[in-house]
Amino acid sequence: MLITPGSKWRIEGFRDDVSRTFSRKLFSLGLVPGALIEIVRLAPLGDPAEVRVRHTSYALRKADLALLQLAAVTEEASQ
């Protein structure tokens, strides 16, 4: 998966190895299946990434993003 600024993704679920506690934390942040996330920008060394979910921005490590099952969203599908 190529995380680049401006790309949009739909959360399809979580990987099987995500702990229950961490998945609850992701849920509390709005990172739920079906949510649309946008990569706003990357830190100078590439980690963390600023992501926007439902008009709220978060800084997430790429390791945390890797725990999400994401599907790329095209411009037509996001409107």
Protein backbone atom coordinates (compact mmCIF):
# COMPACT_ATOMS: atom_id res chain seq x y z
CA MET A 1 0.00 0.00 0.00
CA LEU A 2 1.41 3.36 -1.05
CA ILE A 3 0.56 6.04 1.50
CA THR A 4 0.97 9.42 -0.20
CA PRO A 5 -0.39 12.86 0.68
CA GLY A 6 -3.78 13.45 -0.90
CA SER A 7 -4.68 9.77 -1.18
CA LYS A 8 -8.00 8.57 0.20
CA TRP A 9 -8.75 5.18 1.70
CA ARG A 10 -11.77 3.35 3.07
CA ILE A 11 -11.28 1.25 6.18
CA GLU A 12 -12.45 -2.29 5.48
CA GLY A 13 -11.48 -3.76 8.84
CA PHE A 14 -8.54 -4.59 11.07
CA ARG A 15 -5.82 -7.19 10.74
CA ASP A 16 -6.32 -10.33 12.80
CA ASP A 17 -3.33 -9.63 15.05
CA VAL A 18 -4.72 -6.32 16.41
CA SER A 19 -5.30 -6.54 20.16
CA ARG A 20 -8.79 -5.94 21.45
CA THR A 21 -7.60 -2.98 23.52
CA PHE A 22 -5.94 -1.30 20.56
CA SER A 23 -8.94 -1.90 18.28
CA ARG A 24 -11.13 -0.18 20.90
CA LYS A 25 -8.76 2.79 20.85
CA LEU A 26 -9.02 2.96 17.06
CA PHE A 27 -12.81 2.79 17.31
CA SER A 28 -12.83 5.66 19.83
CA LEU A 29 -10.87 7.78 17.31
CA GLY A 30 -13.46 7.11 14.60
CA LEU A 31 -11.30 4.62 12.71
CA VAL A 32 -14.15 2.18 12.13
CA PRO A 33 -14.92 -0.06 9.15
CA GLY A 34 -16.52 2.01 6.40
CA ALA A 35 -14.87 5.28 7.47
CA LEU A 36 -13.06 7.33 4.84
CA ILE A 37 -9.57 8.55 5.72
CA GLU A 38 -7.44 11.03 3.81
CA ILE A 39 -3.67 11.24 4.07
CA VAL A 40 -3.01 14.94 4.60
CA ARG A 41 0.79 14.94 4.85
CA LEU A 42 3.80 12.96 5.98
CA ALA A 43 6.49 14.00 8.45
CA PRO A 44 9.85 14.90 6.87
CA LEU A 45 11.24 11.40 7.47
CA GLY A 46 7.98 9.75 6.37
CA ASP A 47 6.61 8.80 9.77
CA PRO A 48 4.10 9.66 11.26
CA ALA A 49 1.38 10.56 8.79
CA GLU A 50 -1.33 13.15 9.39
CA VAL A 51 -4.68 11.60 8.54
CA ARG A 52 -8.12 13.18 8.46
CA VAL A 53 -11.13 11.16 9.58
CA ARG A 54 -14.56 12.82 9.71
CA HIS A 55 -13.17 16.38 9.91
CA THR A 56 -10.65 15.49 12.63
CA SER A 57 -6.91 15.18 12.07
CA TYR A 58 -4.65 12.64 13.79
CA ALA A 59 -0.96 11.78 13.57
CA LEU A 60 -0.63 8.03 13.14
CA ARG A 61 2.51 5.97 12.82
CA LYS A 62 2.80 3.88 9.69
CA ALA A 63 2.90 0.81 11.95
CA ASP A 64 -0.57 1.75 13.23
CA LEU A 65 -1.85 2.39 9.71
CA ALA A 66 -0.56 -1.05 8.73
CA LEU A 67 -2.98 -2.58 11.27
CA LEU A 68 -5.90 -1.32 9.18
CA GLN A 69 -7.22 -3.11 6.12
CA LEU A 70 -7.56 -0.27 3.62
CA ALA A 71 -9.01 -0.02 0.13
CA ALA A 72 -8.06 2.84 -2.19
CA VAL A 73 -10.87 5.25 -3.01
CA THR A 74 -11.09 6.96 -6.38
CA GLU A 75 -12.34 10.53 -6.71
CA GLU A 76 -15.62 9.41 -8.30
CA ALA A 77 -16.39 7.00 -5.45
CA SER A 78 -15.67 9.54 -2.69
CA GLN A 79 -18.20 12.14 -3.89
